[in-house]
Amino acid sequence: MAENQLNPNSWVDQYADYLFNYAIGKVSDVEVAKDLVSETFLAGLKSAKNYKGDAAERTWLIAILKRKVIDYYRKSNSKKGKAEVRMSLGYPDETEGDWLEEKVADPNGNLGSDTIENEELGLALQLCIDRLPQKQSQVFTMKTIQGISTEEICNELGINPSNLWVMIHRARTALMECLNQKWFNA
């Protein structure tokens, strides 16, 4: 028998701050975090009929929010395409955490140094990928470089989507540190 009941009228008062703090810790953007919390409440209302009462109301809402955060990153990563590596390049007049492919020189440009720069960055990136733990390197390469779908990777490697995204996040963090040390600060 279900122990817990939903009370949507009290969600904002009881859980908004807690959910917001969780979301801001995951996305580091106030507006996105607010949107995710709002989407969580809407999704909770829409799926209230599916609530069995086995978990506490807050736990159930956090589970919804976790899925919203994952969906947010999936959507933003699918828009970025190629190299899904975020890094701080240390340029004072630019925003923190620019995307790698936006900083790589134009391969079709007329400057000879652009091609050399692309080749050097490509080599540095490959060296950093080679230094990752084997599973992280494999997942990062399959998803980011080869463009294999999340479902295919999970089936092939016997992992779930959450594990995949954790490995990709860890790989990105390690690649950012490696590239900052080996290439950008060289």
C-alpha atoms as a PDB file:
ATOM      1  CA  MET A   1       0.000   0.000   0.000  1.00  0.00           C
ATOM      2  CA  ALA A   2       1.286   3.486  -0.878  1.00  0.00           C
ATOM      3  CA  GLU A   3       2.616   5.449   2.079  1.00  0.00           C
ATOM      4  CA  ASN A   4       3.135   8.840   0.450  1.00  0.00           C
ATOM      5  CA  GLN A   5       0.666  11.195  -1.208  1.00  0.00           C
ATOM      6  CA  LEU A   6       1.308  14.026  -3.652  1.00  0.00           C
ATOM      7  CA  ASN A   7       0.412  17.570  -2.690  1.00  0.00           C
ATOM      8  CA  PRO A   8       1.232  19.719  -5.764  1.00  0.00           C
ATOM      9  CA  ASN A   9      -0.148  22.863  -4.104  1.00  0.00           C
ATOM     10  CA  SER A  10       2.786  22.863  -1.672  1.00  0.00           C
ATOM     11  CA  TRP A  11       5.579  21.926  -4.099  1.00  0.00           C
ATOM     12  CA  VAL A  12       6.855  25.445  -4.717  1.00  0.00           C
ATOM     13  CA  ASP A  13       6.937  26.336  -1.018  1.00  0.00           C
ATOM     14  CA  GLN A  14       8.400  23.028   0.126  1.00  0.00           C
ATOM     15  CA  TYR A  15      10.753  21.980  -2.665  1.00  0.00           C
ATOM     16  CA  ALA A  16      11.599  24.879  -5.022  1.00  0.00           C
ATOM     17  CA  ASP A  17      14.750  25.930  -3.141  1.00  0.00           C
ATOM     18  CA  TYR A  18      15.978  22.375  -2.730  1.00  0.00           C
ATOM     19  CA  LEU A  19      15.383  21.551  -6.417  1.00  0.00           C
ATOM     20  CA  PHE A  20      16.960  24.836  -7.526  1.00  0.00           C
ATOM     21  CA  ASN A  21      20.094  24.182  -5.441  1.00  0.00           C
ATOM     22  CA  TYR A  22      20.359  20.719  -6.948  1.00  0.00           C
ATOM     23  CA  ALA A  23      19.887  22.065 -10.502  1.00  0.00           C
ATOM     24  CA  ILE A  24      22.343  24.959 -10.137  1.00  0.00           C
ATOM     25  CA  GLY A  25      24.941  22.496  -8.916  1.00  0.00           C
ATOM     26  CA  LYS A  26      24.490  20.481 -12.090  1.00  0.00           C
ATOM     27  CA  VAL A  27      24.172  23.206 -14.752  1.00  0.00           C
ATOM     28  CA  SER A  28      25.880  26.268 -13.191  1.00  0.00           C
ATOM     29  CA  ASP A  29      23.434  28.647 -14.884  1.00  0.00           C
ATOM     30  CA  VAL A  30      20.743  30.385 -12.826  1.00  0.00           C
ATOM     31  CA  GLU A  31      18.226  30.796 -15.660  1.00  0.00           C
ATOM     32  CA  VAL A  32      18.641  27.227 -16.893  1.00  0.00           C
ATOM     33  CA  ALA A  33      18.298  25.934 -13.325  1.00  0.00           C
ATOM     34  CA  LYS A  34      15.065  27.905 -12.864  1.00  0.00           C
ATOM     35  CA  ASP A  35      13.727  26.535 -16.145  1.00  0.00           C
ATOM     36  CA  LEU A  36      14.611  22.977 -15.156  1.00  0.00           C
ATOM     37  CA  VAL A  37      12.804  23.323 -11.830  1.00  0.00           C
ATOM     38  CA  SER A  38       9.730  24.709 -13.598  1.00  0.00           C
ATOM     39  CA  GLU A  39       9.837  21.870 -16.109  1.00  0.00           C
ATOM     40  CA  THR A  40      10.148  19.420 -13.207  1.00  0.00           C
ATOM     41  CA  PHE A  41       6.996  20.755 -11.558  1.00  0.00           C
ATOM     42  CA  LEU A  42       5.110  20.621 -14.875  1.00  0.00           C
ATOM     43  CA  ALA A  43       6.282  17.077 -15.563  1.00  0.00           C
ATOM     44  CA  GLY A  44       5.296  16.105 -12.007  1.00  0.00           C
ATOM     45  CA  LEU A  45       1.800  17.455 -12.557  1.00  0.00           C
ATOM     46  CA  LYS A  46       1.494  15.645 -15.881  1.00  0.00           C
ATOM     47  CA  SER A  47       2.685  12.337 -14.462  1.00  0.00           C
ATOM     48  CA  ALA A  48       1.000  12.568 -11.041  1.00  0.00           C
ATOM     49  CA  LYS A  49      -1.334   9.734 -12.003  1.00  0.00           C
ATOM     50  CA  ASN A  50       1.742   7.464 -12.305  1.00  0.00           C
ATOM     51  CA  TYR A  51       2.942   8.245  -8.767  1.00  0.00           C
ATOM     52  CA  LYS A  52       2.684   5.068  -6.714  1.00  0.00           C
ATOM     53  CA  GLY A  53       3.615   6.557  -3.354  1.00  0.00           C
ATOM     54  CA  ASP A  54       6.576   4.238  -2.831  1.00  0.00           C
ATOM     55  CA  ALA A  55       9.023   7.157  -2.619  1.00  0.00           C
ATOM     56  CA  ALA A  56       8.746  10.429  -0.770  1.00  0.00           C
ATOM     57  CA  GLU A  57       7.370  13.318  -2.789  1.00  0.00           C
ATOM     58  CA  ARG A  58      10.722  15.165  -2.774  1.00  0.00           C
ATOM     59  CA  THR A  59      12.592  12.033  -3.890  1.00  0.00           C
ATOM     60  CA  TRP A  60      10.143  11.574  -6.744  1.00  0.00           C
ATOM     61  CA  LEU A  61      10.571  15.216  -7.835  1.00  0.00           C
ATOM     62  CA  ILE A  62      14.373  14.927  -7.684  1.00  0.00           C
ATOM     63  CA  ALA A  63      14.196  11.856  -9.926  1.00  0.00           C
ATOM     64  CA  ILE A  64      12.224  13.909 -12.458  1.00  0.00           C
ATOM     65  CA  LEU A  65      14.716  16.781 -12.175  1.00  0.00           C
ATOM     66  CA  LYS A  66      17.642  14.414 -12.748  1.00  0.00           C
ATOM     67  CA  ARG A  67      16.064  13.314 -16.021  1.00  0.00           C
ATOM     68  CA  LYS A  68      15.492  16.974 -16.971  1.00  0.00           C
ATOM     69  CA  VAL A  69      19.178  17.749 -16.352  1.00  0.00           C
ATOM     70  CA  ILE A  70      20.244  14.768 -18.470  1.00  0.00           C
ATOM     71  CA  ASP A  71      17.879  15.857 -21.257  1.00  0.00           C
ATOM     72  CA  TYR A  72      19.277  19.395 -21.063  1.00  0.00           C
ATOM     73  CA  TYR A  73      22.837  18.139 -21.576  1.00  0.00           C
ATOM     74  CA  ARG A  74      21.821  15.747 -24.326  1.00  0.00           C
ATOM     75  CA  LYS A  75      20.087  18.547 -26.175  1.00  0.00           C
ATOM     76  CA  SER A  76      22.971  21.002 -25.769  1.00  0.00           C
ATOM     77  CA  ASN A  77      25.562  18.368 -26.705  1.00  0.00           C
ATOM     78  CA  SER A  78      23.686  17.260 -29.812  1.00  0.00           C
ATOM     79  CA  LYS A  79      23.654  20.865 -31.022  1.00  0.00           C
ATOM     80  CA  LYS A  80      27.409  21.196 -30.663  1.00  0.00           C
ATOM     81  CA  GLY A  81      28.403  18.328 -32.927  1.00  0.00           C
ATOM     82  CA  LYS A  82      32.069  17.442 -33.387  1.00  0.00           C
ATOM     83  CA  ALA A  83      34.342  18.053 -30.450  1.00  0.00           C
ATOM     84  CA  GLU A  84      32.214  18.353 -27.354  1.00  0.00           C
ATOM     85  CA  VAL A  85      35.048  19.637 -25.218  1.00  0.00           C
ATOM     86  CA  ARG A  86      34.539  22.785 -23.155  1.00  0.00           C
ATOM     87  CA  MET A  87      37.590  24.539 -21.886  1.00  0.00           C
ATOM     88  CA  SER A  88      38.835  27.808 -20.572  1.00  0.00           C
ATOM     89  CA  LEU A  89      41.336  29.216 -23.006  1.00  0.00           C
ATOM     90  CA  GLY A  90      42.399  32.077 -20.791  1.00  0.00           C
ATOM     91  CA  TYR A  91      41.531  34.894 -23.159  1.00  0.00           C
ATOM     92  CA  PRO A  92      40.442  37.810 -20.933  1.00  0.00           C
ATOM     93  CA  ASP A  93      37.977  39.331 -23.406  1.00  0.00           C
ATOM     94  CA  GLU A  94      36.070  36.119 -24.049  1.00  0.00           C
ATOM     95  CA  THR A  95      33.539  34.120 -22.102  1.00  0.00           C
ATOM     96  CA  GLU A  96      34.688  31.289 -19.905  1.00  0.00           C
ATOM     97  CA  GLY A  97      34.459  27.797 -21.406  1.00  0.00           C
ATOM     98  CA  ASP A  98      34.417  28.265 -25.175  1.00  0.00           C
ATOM     99  CA  TRP A  99      33.898  25.249 -27.393  1.00  0.00           C
ATOM    100  CA  LEU A 100      37.003  23.716 -28.870  1.00  0.00           C
ATOM    101  CA  GLU A 101      35.766  23.666 -32.457  1.00  0.00           C
ATOM    102  CA  GLU A 102      35.055  27.394 -32.238  1.00  0.00           C
ATOM    103  CA  LYS A 103      38.728  28.015 -31.386  1.00  0.00           C
ATOM    104  CA  VAL A 104      40.316  25.749 -33.988  1.00  0.00           C
ATOM    105  CA  ALA A 105      41.600  27.695 -36.962  1.00  0.00           C
ATOM    106  CA  ASP A 106      39.513  27.560 -40.150  1.00  0.00           C
ATOM    107  CA  PRO A 107      40.874  24.639 -42.221  1.00  0.00           C
ATOM    108  CA  ASN A 108      39.671  26.344 -45.410  1.00  0.00           C
ATOM    109  CA  GLY A 109      41.287  29.655 -44.502  1.00  0.00           C
ATOM    110  CA  ASN A 110      44.014  31.266 -46.598  1.00  0.00           C
ATOM    111  CA  LEU A 111      46.594  31.443 -43.816  1.00  0.00           C
ATOM    112  CA  GLY A 112      49.182  28.678 -43.899  1.00  0.00           C
ATOM    113  CA  SER A 113      49.586  28.846 -40.139  1.00  0.00           C
ATOM    114  CA  ASP A 114      45.929  27.864 -39.664  1.00  0.00           C
ATOM    115  CA  THR A 115      46.545  24.416 -41.152  1.00  0.00           C
ATOM    116  CA  ILE A 116      49.631  23.914 -39.002  1.00  0.00           C
ATOM    117  CA  GLU A 117      47.697  25.061 -35.922  1.00  0.00           C
ATOM    118  CA  ASN A 118      44.877  22.607 -36.693  1.00  0.00           C
ATOM    119  CA  GLU A 119      47.331  19.744 -37.111  1.00  0.00           C
ATOM    120  CA  GLU A 120      49.131  20.611 -33.867  1.00  0.00           C
ATOM    121  CA  LEU A 121      45.846  20.874 -31.955  1.00  0.00           C
ATOM    122  CA  GLY A 122      44.652  17.594 -33.449  1.00  0.00           C
ATOM    123  CA  LEU A 123      47.856  15.852 -32.363  1.00  0.00           C
ATOM    124  CA  ALA A 124      47.663  17.381 -28.890  1.00  0.00           C
ATOM    125  CA  LEU A 125      44.023  16.297 -28.569  1.00  0.00           C
ATOM    126  CA  GLN A 126      44.858  12.739 -29.665  1.00  0.00           C
ATOM    127  CA  LEU A 127      47.733  12.548 -27.172  1.00  0.00           C
ATOM    128  CA  CYS A 128      45.375  13.677 -24.407  1.00  0.00           C
ATOM    129  CA  ILE A 129      42.702  11.165 -25.485  1.00  0.00           C
ATOM    130  CA  ASP A 130      45.351   8.419 -25.385  1.00  0.00           C
ATOM    131  CA  ARG A 131      46.097   9.336 -21.746  1.00  0.00           C
ATOM    132  CA  LEU A 132      42.491   8.835 -20.632  1.00  0.00           C
ATOM    133  CA  PRO A 133      41.493   5.608 -18.885  1.00  0.00           C
ATOM    134  CA  GLN A 134      40.641   3.043 -21.570  1.00  0.00           C
ATOM    135  CA  LYS A 135      36.859   3.013 -21.043  1.00  0.00           C
ATOM    136  CA  GLN A 136      36.632   6.840 -20.939  1.00  0.00           C
ATOM    137  CA  SER A 137      38.719   7.104 -24.082  1.00  0.00           C
ATOM    138  CA  GLN A 138      36.575   4.508 -25.830  1.00  0.00           C
ATOM    139  CA  VAL A 139      33.273   6.151 -24.841  1.00  0.00           C
ATOM    140  CA  PHE A 140      34.496   9.673 -25.662  1.00  0.00           C
ATOM    141  CA  THR A 141      35.830   8.588 -29.060  1.00  0.00           C
ATOM    142  CA  MET A 142      32.691   6.642 -29.957  1.00  0.00           C
ATOM    143  CA  LYS A 143      30.288   9.413 -28.943  1.00  0.00           C
ATOM    144  CA  THR A 144      32.172  12.587 -29.798  1.00  0.00           C
ATOM    145  CA  ILE A 145      34.462  11.694 -32.670  1.00  0.00           C
ATOM    146  CA  GLN A 146      32.649   8.817 -34.345  1.00  0.00           C
ATOM    147  CA  GLY A 147      29.156  10.174 -33.607  1.00  0.00           C
ATOM    148  CA  ILE A 148      27.712   6.843 -32.496  1.00  0.00           C
ATOM    149  CA  SER A 149      24.346   7.100 -30.762  1.00  0.00           C
ATOM    150  CA  THR A 150      24.038   6.814 -26.999  1.00  0.00           C
ATOM    151  CA  GLU A 151      21.856   3.723 -27.337  1.00  0.00           C
ATOM    152  CA  GLU A 152      24.353   1.925 -29.580  1.00  0.00           C
ATOM    153  CA  ILE A 153      27.272   2.705 -27.262  1.00  0.00           C
ATOM    154  CA  CYS A 154      25.346   1.568 -24.193  1.00  0.00           C
ATOM    155  CA  ASN A 155      24.320  -1.687 -25.875  1.00  0.00           C
ATOM    156  CA  GLU A 156      27.825  -2.394 -27.162  1.00  0.00           C
ATOM    157  CA  LEU A 157      29.607  -1.629 -23.888  1.00  0.00           C
ATOM    158  CA  GLY A 158      26.925  -2.875 -21.503  1.00  0.00           C
ATOM    159  CA  ILE A 159      26.508   0.442 -19.684  1.00  0.00           C
ATOM    160  CA  ASN A 160      23.513   2.667 -19.027  1.00  0.00           C
ATOM    161  CA  PRO A 161      23.106   6.238 -20.370  1.00  0.00           C
ATOM    162  CA  SER A 162      23.906   7.782 -16.985  1.00  0.00           C
ATOM    163  CA  ASN A 163      27.240   5.942 -16.872  1.00  0.00           C
ATOM    164  CA  LEU A 164      27.975   7.042 -20.420  1.00  0.00           C
ATOM    165  CA  TRP A 165      27.379  10.718 -19.648  1.00  0.00           C
ATOM    166  CA  VAL A 166      29.440  10.532 -16.464  1.00  0.00           C
ATOM    167  CA  MET A 167      32.339   9.016 -18.424  1.00  0.00           C
ATOM    168  CA  ILE A 168      32.026  11.679 -21.123  1.00  0.00           C
ATOM    169  CA  HIS A 169      31.969  14.424 -18.501  1.00  0.00           C
ATOM    170  CA  ARG A 170      35.066  13.003 -16.810  1.00  0.00           C
ATOM    171  CA  ALA A 171      36.803  12.623 -20.165  1.00  0.00           C
ATOM    172  CA  ARG A 172      36.018  16.238 -21.088  1.00  0.00           C
ATOM    173  CA  THR A 173      37.350  17.470 -17.761  1.00  0.00           C
ATOM    174  CA  ALA A 174      40.563  15.453 -18.142  1.00  0.00           C
ATOM    175  CA  LEU A 175      40.970  16.570 -21.767  1.00  0.00           C
ATOM    176  CA  MET A 176      40.489  20.194 -20.785  1.00  0.00           C
ATOM    177  CA  GLU A 177      43.211  19.909 -18.140  1.00  0.00           C
ATOM    178  CA  CYS A 178      45.536  18.045 -20.465  1.00  0.00           C
ATOM    179  CA  LEU A 179      45.101  20.462 -23.368  1.00  0.00           C
ATOM    180  CA  ASN A 180      45.512  23.465 -21.104  1.00  0.00           C
ATOM    181  CA  GLN A 181      48.803  22.002 -19.847  1.00  0.00           C
ATOM    182  CA  LYS A 182      50.178  20.540 -23.055  1.00  0.00           C
ATOM    183  CA  TRP A 183      48.986  22.870 -25.782  1.00  0.00           C
ATOM    184  CA  PHE A 184      47.383  26.131 -24.747  1.00  0.00           C
ATOM    185  CA  ASN A 185      49.993  26.995 -22.109  1.00  0.00           C
ATOM    186  CA  ALA A 186      52.913  25.629 -24.081  1.00  0.00           C
END
